[in-house]
Structure formats: structure tokens, C-alpha cells
Amino acid sequence: MGITNKGRQFRPSDWAERLCGVMSCFCPGSSGLDAHLKFSPYVHPTVVNGTKAVVVDHRLRTIEPMAYHFVVSFAKDNDLQVVDACFVPLPGEKKPGAA
């Protein structure tokens, strides 16, 4: 979540997109000219109750443990709130990891 444990909004305002951009290489089948333009299905930005957040799929821990550790460490180092949640796609959306 883009809120610190002290209740302050995390800055810069595009932190979620930047973090997810770094993690975009962890995307199955992400090759070709436009591969850098897609977020990973395992790490993607979202908004929760008006607050920017990053969704991290638990499968990343198995697929690429160092990448998972990087994201968890980012949250810890910046004192960000971390919430375990179940992502439920909206009607018509693909499930994460679905083709």
C-alpha cells in the first residue's frame, strides 16, 4: 500500500508504476519489441480505496525468489503497509497468470 505504517502517503506519486516497471521482466512470454511496455502478471499497480498499491502474486515467491524478496524488502525499507489479500478480478477481466 502507498501508505506508511505511520499513516503518511508514500512519495513520489508514481512509485507503484516505477516499482512495477522494474519488475516487468518477470512476465511469461515477454519477448519482442513491446515486451518492456507490459507489467508482469505477478507484480502490477492498482488503487485500493483511493490509495496506490502494488499487487504481488504469491507465485512470484516460487518462480523467482530474489524478485519476491526485492519487492518485500522495498516495502519494509520504506515502512509501507503490507496487506495479505485475495485478488478477485472484475467480470470480464482475466485472472492473473491466465492466457
PDB file of N, CA and C in Angstrom:
ATOM      1  N   MET A   1       0.843  -1.178   0.000  1.00  0.00           N
ATOM      2  CA  MET A   1       0.000   0.000   0.000  1.00  0.00           C
ATOM      3  C   MET A   1       0.888   1.240   0.000  1.00  0.00           C
ATOM      4  N   GLY A   2       0.409   2.288  -0.620  1.00  0.00           N
ATOM      5  CA  GLY A   2       1.161   3.531  -0.673  1.00  0.00           C
ATOM      6  C   GLY A   2       0.979   4.388   0.551  1.00  0.00           C
ATOM      7  N   ILE A   3       0.832   3.735   1.707  1.00  0.00           N
ATOM      8  CA  ILE A   3       0.700   4.426   2.992  1.00  0.00           C
ATOM      9  C   ILE A   3       1.734   3.815   3.936  1.00  0.00           C
ATOM     10  N   THR A   4       2.480   4.684   4.611  1.00  0.00           N
ATOM     11  CA  THR A   4       3.453   4.165   5.573  1.00  0.00           C
ATOM     12  C   THR A   4       2.735   3.665   6.815  1.00  0.00           C
ATOM     13  N   ASN A   5       3.452   2.952   7.646  1.00  0.00           N
ATOM     14  CA  ASN A   5       2.873   2.452   8.889  1.00  0.00           C
ATOM     15  C   ASN A   5       2.518   3.581   9.852  1.00  0.00           C
ATOM     16  N   LYS A   6       3.021   4.785   9.591  1.00  0.00           N
ATOM     17  CA  LYS A   6       2.664   5.958  10.399  1.00  0.00           C
ATOM     18  C   LYS A   6       1.500   6.731   9.784  1.00  0.00           C
ATOM     19  N   GLY A   7       0.939   6.214   8.673  1.00  0.00           N
ATOM     20  CA  GLY A   7      -0.227   6.834   8.056  1.00  0.00           C
ATOM     21  C   GLY A   7       0.062   7.909   7.028  1.00  0.00           C
ATOM     22  N   ARG A   8       1.308   8.068   6.672  1.00  0.00           N
ATOM     23  CA  ARG A   8       1.670   9.086   5.670  1.00  0.00           C
ATOM     24  C   ARG A   8       1.609   8.503   4.262  1.00  0.00           C
ATOM     25  N   GLN A   9       1.235   9.356   3.292  1.00  0.00           N
ATOM     26  CA  GLN A   9       1.211   8.916   1.901  1.00  0.00           C
ATOM     27  C   GLN A   9       2.639   8.790   1.396  1.00  0.00           C
ATOM     28  N   PHE A  10       2.923   7.692   0.697  1.00  0.00           N
ATOM     29  CA  PHE A  10       4.272   7.447   0.188  1.00  0.00           C
ATOM     30  C   PHE A  10       4.491   8.254  -1.081  1.00  0.00           C
ATOM     31  N   ARG A  11       5.662   8.812  -1.226  1.00  0.00           N
ATOM     32  CA  ARG A  11       6.045   9.617  -2.390  1.00  0.00           C
ATOM     33  C   ARG A  11       7.260   8.998  -3.048  1.00  0.00           C
ATOM     34  N   PRO A  12       7.468   9.161  -4.333  1.00  0.00           N
ATOM     35  CA  PRO A  12       6.730  10.010  -5.256  1.00  0.00           C
ATOM     36  C   PRO A  12       5.387   9.387  -5.641  1.00  0.00           C
ATOM     37  N   SER A  13       4.553  10.174  -6.256  1.00  0.00           N
ATOM     38  CA  SER A  13       3.197   9.713  -6.554  1.00  0.00           C
ATOM     39  C   SER A  13       3.160   8.566  -7.568  1.00  0.00           C
ATOM     40  N   ASP A  14       4.206   8.392  -8.348  1.00  0.00           N
ATOM     41  CA  ASP A  14       4.227   7.305  -9.338  1.00  0.00           C
ATOM     42  C   ASP A  14       5.073   6.111  -8.872  1.00  0.00           C
ATOM     43  N   TRP A  15       5.227   5.961  -7.563  1.00  0.00           N
ATOM     44  CA  TRP A  15       6.070   4.893  -7.024  1.00  0.00           C
ATOM     45  C   TRP A  15       5.611   3.512  -7.478  1.00  0.00           C
ATOM     46  N   ALA A  16       4.311   3.278  -7.522  1.00  0.00           N
ATOM     47  CA  ALA A  16       3.791   1.950  -7.868  1.00  0.00           C
ATOM     48  C   ALA A  16       4.144   1.592  -9.311  1.00  0.00           C
ATOM     49  N   GLU A  17       3.979   2.539 -10.216  1.00  0.00           N
ATOM     50  CA  GLU A  17       4.305   2.301 -11.622  1.00  0.00           C
ATOM     51  C   GLU A  17       5.805   2.080 -11.799  1.00  0.00           C
ATOM     52  N   ARG A  18       6.614   2.836 -11.071  1.00  0.00           N
ATOM     53  CA  ARG A  18       8.076   2.659 -11.153  1.00  0.00           C
ATOM     54  C   ARG A  18       8.490   1.273 -10.664  1.00  0.00           C
ATOM     55  N   LEU A  19       7.972   0.871  -9.509  1.00  0.00           N
ATOM     56  CA  LEU A  19       8.307  -0.443  -8.965  1.00  0.00           C
ATOM     57  C   LEU A  19       7.857  -1.551  -9.920  1.00  0.00           C
ATOM     58  N   CYS A  20       6.656  -1.436 -10.447  1.00  0.00           N
ATOM     59  CA  CYS A  20       6.151  -2.458 -11.370  1.00  0.00           C
ATOM     60  C   CYS A  20       6.913  -2.449 -12.686  1.00  0.00           C
ATOM     61  N   GLY A  21       7.400  -1.298 -13.098  1.00  0.00           N
ATOM     62  CA  GLY A  21       8.227  -1.219 -14.302  1.00  0.00           C
ATOM     63  C   GLY A  21       9.522  -2.001 -14.130  1.00  0.00           C
ATOM     64  N   VAL A  22      10.125  -1.897 -12.957  1.00  0.00           N
ATOM     65  CA  VAL A  22      11.340  -2.655 -12.663  1.00  0.00           C
ATOM     66  C   VAL A  22      11.055  -4.153 -12.708  1.00  0.00           C
ATOM     67  N   MET A  23       9.875  -4.545 -12.259  1.00  0.00           N
ATOM     68  CA  MET A  23       9.517  -5.959 -12.182  1.00  0.00           C
ATOM     69  C   MET A  23       8.897  -6.495 -13.474  1.00  0.00           C
ATOM     70  N   SER A  24       8.763  -5.667 -14.499  1.00  0.00           N
ATOM     71  CA  SER A  24       8.077  -6.081 -15.732  1.00  0.00           C
ATOM     72  C   SER A  24       8.782  -7.219 -16.467  1.00  0.00           C
ATOM     73  N   CYS A  25      10.055  -7.430 -16.210  1.00  0.00           N
ATOM     74  CA  CYS A  25      10.771  -8.515 -16.885  1.00  0.00           C
ATOM     75  C   CYS A  25      10.326  -9.893 -16.387  1.00  0.00           C
ATOM     76  N   PHE A  26       9.609  -9.951 -15.269  1.00  0.00           N
ATOM     77  CA  PHE A  26       9.113 -11.228 -14.751  1.00  0.00           C
ATOM     78  C   PHE A  26       7.717 -11.486 -15.297  1.00  0.00           C
ATOM     79  N   CYS A  27       7.697 -11.737 -16.611  1.00  0.00           N
ATOM     80  CA  CYS A  27       6.446 -11.931 -17.328  1.00  0.00           C
ATOM     81  C   CYS A  27       6.608 -13.100 -18.290  1.00  0.00           C
ATOM     82  N   PRO A  28       5.814 -14.150 -18.114  1.00  0.00           N
ATOM     83  CA  PRO A  28       5.949 -15.287 -19.031  1.00  0.00           C
ATOM     84  C   PRO A  28       5.662 -14.864 -20.461  1.00  0.00           C
ATOM     85  N   GLY A  29       6.533 -15.266 -21.369  1.00  0.00           N
ATOM     86  CA  GLY A  29       6.353 -14.948 -22.785  1.00  0.00           C
ATOM     87  C   GLY A  29       6.605 -13.503 -23.131  1.00  0.00           C
ATOM     88  N   SER A  30       7.328 -12.781 -22.291  1.00  0.00           N
ATOM     89  CA  SER A  30       7.563 -11.360 -22.560  1.00  0.00           C
ATOM     90  C   SER A  30       8.838 -11.177 -23.361  1.00  0.00           C
ATOM     91  N   SER A  31       8.711 -11.345 -24.630  1.00  0.00           N
ATOM     92  CA  SER A  31       9.839 -11.086 -25.514  1.00  0.00           C
ATOM     93  C   SER A  31       9.318 -10.321 -26.713  1.00  0.00           C
ATOM     94  N   GLY A  32      10.215  -9.761 -27.447  1.00  0.00           N
ATOM     95  CA  GLY A  32       9.812  -8.987 -28.614  1.00  0.00           C
ATOM     96  C   GLY A  32       9.942  -7.498 -28.358  1.00  0.00           C
ATOM     97  N   LEU A  33       9.554  -6.724 -29.350  1.00  0.00           N
ATOM     98  CA  LEU A  33       9.744  -5.278 -29.306  1.00  0.00           C
ATOM     99  C   LEU A  33       8.954  -4.588 -28.202  1.00  0.00           C
ATOM    100  N   ASP A  34       7.757  -5.056 -27.898  1.00  0.00           N
ATOM    101  CA  ASP A  34       6.911  -4.376 -26.922  1.00  0.00           C
ATOM    102  C   ASP A  34       6.950  -4.998 -25.536  1.00  0.00           C
ATOM    103  N   ALA A  35       7.874  -5.903 -25.282  1.00  0.00           N
ATOM    104  CA  ALA A  35       7.922  -6.607 -24.001  1.00  0.00           C
ATOM    105  C   ALA A  35       8.078  -5.644 -22.827  1.00  0.00           C
ATOM    106  N   HIS A  36       8.784  -4.546 -23.024  1.00  0.00           N
ATOM    107  CA  HIS A  36       9.028  -3.595 -21.938  1.00  0.00           C
ATOM    108  C   HIS A  36       7.811  -2.720 -21.638  1.00  0.00           C
ATOM    109  N   LEU A  37       6.760  -2.825 -22.450  1.00  0.00           N
ATOM    110  CA  LEU A  37       5.582  -1.992 -22.271  1.00  0.00           C
ATOM    111  C   LEU A  37       4.482  -2.662 -21.452  1.00  0.00           C
ATOM    112  N   LYS A  38       4.742  -3.843 -20.945  1.00  0.00           N
ATOM    113  CA  LYS A  38       3.733  -4.594 -20.204  1.00  0.00           C
ATOM    114  C   LYS A  38       4.188  -4.799 -18.762  1.00  0.00           C
ATOM    115  N   PHE A  39       3.228  -4.734 -17.855  1.00  0.00           N
ATOM    116  CA  PHE A  39       3.528  -5.087 -16.476  1.00  0.00           C
ATOM    117  C   PHE A  39       3.498  -6.598 -16.336  1.00  0.00           C
ATOM    118  N   SER A  40       4.227  -7.097 -15.388  1.00  0.00           N
ATOM    119  CA  SER A  40       4.228  -8.524 -15.095  1.00  0.00           C
ATOM    120  C   SER A  40       2.871  -8.921 -14.517  1.00  0.00           C
ATOM    121  N   PRO A  41       2.374 -10.109 -14.849  1.00  0.00           N
ATOM    122  CA  PRO A  41       1.130 -10.557 -14.211  1.00  0.00           C
ATOM    123  C   PRO A  41       1.347 -10.875 -12.728  1.00  0.00           C
ATOM    124  N   TYR A  42       2.592 -10.937 -12.294  1.00  0.00           N
ATOM    125  CA  TYR A  42       2.902 -11.252 -10.898  1.00  0.00           C
ATOM    126  C   TYR A  42       3.065 -10.018 -10.022  1.00  0.00           C
ATOM    127  N   VAL A  43       3.305  -8.860 -10.632  1.00  0.00           N
ATOM    128  CA  VAL A  43       3.508  -7.606  -9.885  1.00  0.00           C
ATOM    129  C   VAL A  43       2.891  -6.486 -10.716  1.00  0.00           C
ATOM    130  N   HIS A  44       1.770  -5.943 -10.251  1.00  0.00           N
ATOM    131  CA  HIS A  44       1.141  -4.887 -11.035  1.00  0.00           C
ATOM    132  C   HIS A  44       0.518  -3.828 -10.132  1.00  0.00           C
ATOM    133  N   PRO A  45       0.471  -2.580 -10.650  1.00  0.00           N
ATOM    134  CA  PRO A  45      -0.084  -1.487  -9.847  1.00  0.00           C
ATOM    135  C   PRO A  45      -1.609  -1.537  -9.838  1.00  0.00           C
ATOM    136  N   THR A  46      -2.175  -0.987  -8.776  1.00  0.00           N
ATOM    137  CA  THR A  46      -3.625  -0.877  -8.649  1.00  0.00           C
ATOM    138  C   THR A  46      -3.934   0.268  -7.698  1.00  0.00           C
ATOM    139  N   VAL A  47      -5.200   0.514  -7.468  1.00  0.00           N
ATOM    140  CA  VAL A  47      -5.640   1.513  -6.496  1.00  0.00           C
ATOM    141  C   VAL A  47      -6.611   0.821  -5.554  1.00  0.00           C
ATOM    142  N   VAL A  48      -6.387   0.966  -4.251  1.00  0.00           N
ATOM    143  CA  VAL A  48      -7.242   0.372  -3.229  1.00  0.00           C
ATOM    144  C   VAL A  48      -7.777   1.496  -2.354  1.00  0.00           C
ATOM    145  N   ASN A  49      -9.086   1.685  -2.382  1.00  0.00           N
ATOM    146  CA  ASN A  49      -9.723   2.749  -1.588  1.00  0.00           C
ATOM    147  C   ASN A  49      -9.053   4.102  -1.803  1.00  0.00           C
ATOM    148  N   GLY A  50      -8.712   4.407  -3.055  1.00  0.00           N
ATOM    149  CA  GLY A  50      -8.107   5.691  -3.391  1.00  0.00           C
ATOM    150  C   GLY A  50      -6.617   5.789  -3.134  1.00  0.00           C
ATOM    151  N   THR A  51      -5.986   4.706  -2.711  1.00  0.00           N
ATOM    152  CA  THR A  51      -4.554   4.688  -2.418  1.00  0.00           C
ATOM    153  C   THR A  51      -3.837   3.793  -3.409  1.00  0.00           C
ATOM    154  N   LYS A  52      -2.754   4.307  -3.993  1.00  0.00           N
ATOM    155  CA  LYS A  52      -1.968   3.471  -4.898  1.00  0.00           C
ATOM    156  C   LYS A  52      -1.393   2.292  -4.134  1.00  0.00           C
ATOM    157  N   ALA A  53      -1.346   1.159  -4.829  1.00  0.00           N
ATOM    158  CA  ALA A  53      -0.834  -0.058  -4.217  1.00  0.00           C
ATOM    159  C   ALA A  53      -0.219  -0.923  -5.305  1.00  0.00           C
ATOM    160  N   VAL A  54       0.492  -1.936  -4.885  1.00  0.00           N
ATOM    161  CA  VAL A  54       1.072  -2.913  -5.809  1.00  0.00           C
ATOM    162  C   VAL A  54       0.583  -4.287  -5.378  1.00  0.00           C
ATOM    163  N   VAL A  55       0.052  -5.025  -6.341  1.00  0.00           N
ATOM    164  CA  VAL A  55      -0.383  -6.400  -6.084  1.00  0.00           C
ATOM    165  C   VAL A  55       0.772  -7.316  -6.453  1.00  0.00           C
ATOM    166  N   VAL A  56       1.161  -8.178  -5.520  1.00  0.00           N
ATOM    167  CA  VAL A  56       2.228  -9.142  -5.759  1.00  0.00           C
ATOM    168  C   VAL A  56       1.623 -10.539  -5.648  1.00  0.00           C
ATOM    169  N   ASP A  57       1.656 -11.260  -6.744  1.00  0.00           N
ATOM    170  CA  ASP A  57       1.123 -12.626  -6.777  1.00  0.00           C
ATOM    171  C   ASP A  57       2.052 -13.529  -5.974  1.00  0.00           C
ATOM    172  N   HIS A  58       1.480 -14.326  -5.094  1.00  0.00           N
ATOM    173  CA  HIS A  58       2.287 -15.204  -4.236  1.00  0.00           C
ATOM    174  C   HIS A  58       3.125 -16.191  -5.031  1.00  0.00           C
ATOM    175  N   ARG A  59       2.743 -16.468  -6.280  1.00  0.00           N
ATOM    176  CA  ARG A  59       3.512 -17.411  -7.104  1.00  0.00           C
ATOM    177  C   ARG A  59       4.903 -16.884  -7.433  1.00  0.00           C
ATOM    178  N   LEU A  60       5.102 -15.570  -7.362  1.00  0.00           N
ATOM    179  CA  LEU A  60       6.425 -14.995  -7.635  1.00  0.00           C
ATOM    180  C   LEU A  60       7.458 -15.534  -6.657  1.00  0.00           C
ATOM    181  N   ARG A  61       7.047 -15.820  -5.429  1.00  0.00           N
ATOM    182  CA  ARG A  61       7.966 -16.348  -4.416  1.00  0.00           C
ATOM    183  C   ARG A  61       8.605 -17.655  -4.877  1.00  0.00           C
ATOM    184  N   THR A  62       7.842 -18.484  -5.577  1.00  0.00           N
ATOM    185  CA  THR A  62       8.352 -19.760  -6.084  1.00  0.00           C
ATOM    186  C   THR A  62       9.075 -19.592  -7.420  1.00  0.00           C
ATOM    187  N   ILE A  63       8.499 -18.772  -8.289  1.00  0.00           N
ATOM    188  CA  ILE A  63       9.046 -18.590  -9.638  1.00  0.00           C
ATOM    189  C   ILE A  63      10.394 -17.880  -9.606  1.00  0.00           C
ATOM    190  N   GLU A  64      10.481 -16.811  -8.826  1.00  0.00           N
ATOM    191  CA  GLU A  64      11.713 -16.020  -8.744  1.00  0.00           C
ATOM    192  C   GLU A  64      11.861 -15.450  -7.341  1.00  0.00           C
ATOM    193  N   PRO A  65      12.404 -16.250  -6.417  1.00  0.00           N
ATOM    194  CA  PRO A  65      12.513 -15.821  -5.017  1.00  0.00           C
ATOM    195  C   PRO A  65      13.237 -14.492  -4.815  1.00  0.00           C
ATOM    196  N   MET A  66      14.272 -14.217  -5.599  1.00  0.00           N
ATOM    197  CA  MET A  66      15.008 -12.959  -5.426  1.00  0.00           C
ATOM    198  C   MET A  66      14.139 -11.760  -5.800  1.00  0.00           C
ATOM    199  N   ALA A  67      13.305 -11.898  -6.823  1.00  0.00           N
ATOM    200  CA  ALA A  67      12.403 -10.817  -7.218  1.00  0.00           C
ATOM    201  C   ALA A  67      11.366 -10.576  -6.127  1.00  0.00           C
ATOM    202  N   TYR A  68      10.830 -11.653  -5.582  1.00  0.00           N
ATOM    203  CA  TYR A  68       9.861 -11.536  -4.490  1.00  0.00           C
ATOM    204  C   TYR A  68      10.510 -10.844  -3.285  1.00  0.00           C
ATOM    205  N   HIS A  69      11.707 -11.254  -2.941  1.00  0.00           N
ATOM    206  CA  HIS A  69      12.429 -10.647  -1.826  1.00  0.00           C
ATOM    207  C   HIS A  69      12.673  -9.155  -2.089  1.00  0.00           C
ATOM    208  N   PHE A  70      12.970  -8.788  -3.317  1.00  0.00           N
ATOM    209  CA  PHE A  70      13.194  -7.387  -3.674  1.00  0.00           C
ATOM    210  C   PHE A  70      11.958  -6.540  -3.368  1.00  0.00           C
ATOM    211  N   VAL A  71      10.783  -7.031  -3.786  1.00  0.00           N
ATOM    212  CA  VAL A  71       9.544  -6.281  -3.574  1.00  0.00           C
ATOM    213  C   VAL A  71       9.210  -6.193  -2.080  1.00  0.00           C
ATOM    214  N   VAL A  72       9.353  -7.298  -1.374  1.00  0.00           N
ATOM    215  CA  VAL A  72       9.079  -7.307   0.069  1.00  0.00           C
ATOM    216  C   VAL A  72      10.055  -6.382   0.799  1.00  0.00           C
ATOM    217  N   SER A  73      11.309  -6.407   0.403  1.00  0.00           N
ATOM    218  CA  SER A  73      12.312  -5.534   1.020  1.00  0.00           C
ATOM    219  C   SER A  73      12.027  -4.064   0.723  1.00  0.00           C
ATOM    220  N   PHE A  74      11.545  -3.772  -0.484  1.00  0.00           N
ATOM    221  CA  PHE A  74      11.179  -2.397  -0.837  1.00  0.00           C
ATOM    222  C   PHE A  74      10.114  -1.885   0.135  1.00  0.00           C
ATOM    223  N   ALA A  75       9.092  -2.700   0.365  1.00  0.00           N
ATOM    224  CA  ALA A  75       8.022  -2.306   1.281  1.00  0.00           C
ATOM    225  C   ALA A  75       8.561  -2.113   2.704  1.00  0.00           C
ATOM    226  N   LYS A  76       9.392  -3.037   3.150  1.00  0.00           N
ATOM    227  CA  LYS A  76       9.945  -2.957   4.514  1.00  0.00           C
ATOM    228  C   LYS A  76      10.865  -1.742   4.658  1.00  0.00           C
ATOM    229  N   ASP A  77      11.755  -1.540   3.681  1.00  0.00           N
ATOM    230  CA  ASP A  77      12.704  -0.429   3.745  1.00  0.00           C
ATOM    231  C   ASP A  77      12.009   0.931   3.759  1.00  0.00           C
ATOM    232  N   ASN A  78      10.828   1.000   3.120  1.00  0.00           N
ATOM    233  CA  ASN A  78      10.096   2.266   3.039  1.00  0.00           C
ATOM    234  C   ASN A  78       8.943   2.336   4.039  1.00  0.00           C
ATOM    235  N   ASP A  79       8.898   1.377   4.968  1.00  0.00           N
ATOM    236  CA  ASP A  79       7.900   1.341   6.032  1.00  0.00           C
ATOM    237  C   ASP A  79       6.464   1.371   5.494  1.00  0.00           C
ATOM    238  N   LEU A  80       6.246   0.667   4.369  1.00  0.00           N
ATOM    239  CA  LEU A  80       4.920   0.641   3.756  1.00  0.00           C
ATOM    240  C   LEU A  80       4.046  -0.417   4.406  1.00  0.00           C
ATOM    241  N   GLN A  81       2.762  -0.137   4.456  1.00  0.00           N
ATOM    242  CA  GLN A  81       1.804  -1.110   4.962  1.00  0.00           C
ATOM    243  C   GLN A  81       1.709  -2.273   3.971  1.00  0.00           C
ATOM    244  N   VAL A  82       1.718  -3.476   4.486  1.00  0.00           N
ATOM    245  CA  VAL A  82       1.597  -4.684   3.661  1.00  0.00           C
ATOM    246  C   VAL A  82       0.353  -5.424   4.121  1.00  0.00           C
ATOM    247  N   VAL A  83      -0.480  -5.799   3.169  1.00  0.00           N
ATOM    248  CA  VAL A  83      -1.745  -6.460   3.464  1.00  0.00           C
ATOM    249  C   VAL A  83      -1.824  -7.744   2.658  1.00  0.00           C
ATOM    250  N   ASP A  84      -2.099  -8.854   3.327  1.00  0.00           N
ATOM    251  CA  ASP A  84      -2.375 -10.095   2.614  1.00  0.00           C
ATOM    252  C   ASP A  84      -3.812 -10.016   2.134  1.00  0.00           C
ATOM    253  N   ALA A  85      -4.003 -10.266   0.849  1.00  0.00           N
ATOM    254  CA  ALA A  85      -5.346 -10.148   0.284  1.00  0.00           C
ATOM    255  C   ALA A  85      -5.537 -11.167  -0.826  1.00  0.00           C
ATOM    256  N   CYS A  86      -6.766 -11.355  -1.167  1.00  0.00           N
ATOM    257  CA  CYS A  86      -7.129 -12.232  -2.276  1.00  0.00           C
ATOM    258  C   CYS A  86      -7.624 -11.344  -3.406  1.00  0.00           C
ATOM    259  N   PHE A  87      -6.962 -11.390  -4.545  1.00  0.00           N
ATOM    260  CA  PHE A  87      -7.343 -10.583  -5.693  1.00  0.00           C
ATOM    261  C   PHE A  87      -8.458 -11.295  -6.453  1.00  0.00           C
ATOM    262  N   VAL A  88      -9.562 -10.615  -6.615  1.00  0.00           N
ATOM    263  CA  VAL A  88     -10.682 -11.161  -7.374  1.00  0.00           C
ATOM    264  C   VAL A  88     -10.905 -10.249  -8.566  1.00  0.00           C
ATOM    265  N   PRO A  89     -10.682 -10.766  -9.791  1.00  0.00           N
ATOM    266  CA  PRO A  89     -10.848  -9.910 -10.965  1.00  0.00           C
ATOM    267  C   PRO A  89     -12.308  -9.493 -11.164  1.00  0.00           C
ATOM    268  N   LEU A  90     -12.484  -8.326 -11.739  1.00  0.00           N
ATOM    269  CA  LEU A  90     -13.812  -7.850 -12.085  1.00  0.00           C
ATOM    270  C   LEU A  90     -14.363  -8.697 -13.226  1.00  0.00           C
ATOM    271  N   PRO A  91     -15.686  -8.747 -13.400  1.00  0.00           N
ATOM    272  CA  PRO A  91     -16.246  -9.509 -14.515  1.00  0.00           C
ATOM    273  C   PRO A  91     -15.631  -9.060 -15.838  1.00  0.00           C
ATOM    274  N   GLY A  92     -15.205 -10.021 -16.637  1.00  0.00           N
ATOM    275  CA  GLY A  92     -14.593  -9.710 -17.925  1.00  0.00           C
ATOM    276  C   GLY A  92     -13.084  -9.587 -17.887  1.00  0.00           C
ATOM    277  N   GLU A  93     -12.486  -9.469 -16.700  1.00  0.00           N
ATOM    278  CA  GLU A  93     -11.035  -9.377 -16.581  1.00  0.00           C
ATOM    279  C   GLU A  93     -10.459 -10.793 -16.561  1.00  0.00           C
ATOM    280  N   LYS A  94      -9.241 -10.903 -17.067  1.00  0.00           N
ATOM    281  CA  LYS A  94      -8.538 -12.186 -16.991  1.00  0.00           C
ATOM    282  C   LYS A  94      -7.995 -12.367 -15.585  1.00  0.00           C
ATOM    283  N   LYS A  95      -7.938 -13.590 -15.148  1.00  0.00           N
ATOM    284  CA  LYS A  95      -7.306 -13.889 -13.866  1.00  0.00           C
ATOM    285  C   LYS A  95      -5.799 -13.732 -14.045  1.00  0.00           C
ATOM    286  N   PRO A  96      -5.074 -13.306 -13.017  1.00  0.00           N
ATOM    287  CA  PRO A  96      -3.610 -13.199 -13.131  1.00  0.00           C
ATOM    288  C   PRO A  96      -3.015 -14.534 -13.540  1.00  0.00           C
ATOM    289  N   GLY A  97      -2.139 -14.485 -14.512  1.00  0.00           N
ATOM    290  CA  GLY A  97      -1.470 -15.690 -14.993  1.00  0.00           C
ATOM    291  C   GLY A  97      -2.265 -16.452 -16.040  1.00  0.00           C
ATOM    292  N   ALA A  98      -3.491 -16.022 -16.331  1.00  0.00           N
ATOM    293  CA  ALA A  98      -4.294 -16.709 -17.341  1.00  0.00           C
ATOM    294  C   ALA A  98      -3.921 -16.224 -18.728  1.00  0.00           C
ATOM    295  N   ALA A  99      -4.023 -17.097 -19.679  1.00  0.00           N
ATOM    296  CA  ALA A  99      -3.685 -16.723 -21.064  1.00  0.00           C
ATOM    297  C   ALA A  99      -4.864 -16.093 -21.759  1.00  0.00           C
TER     298      ALA A  99
END
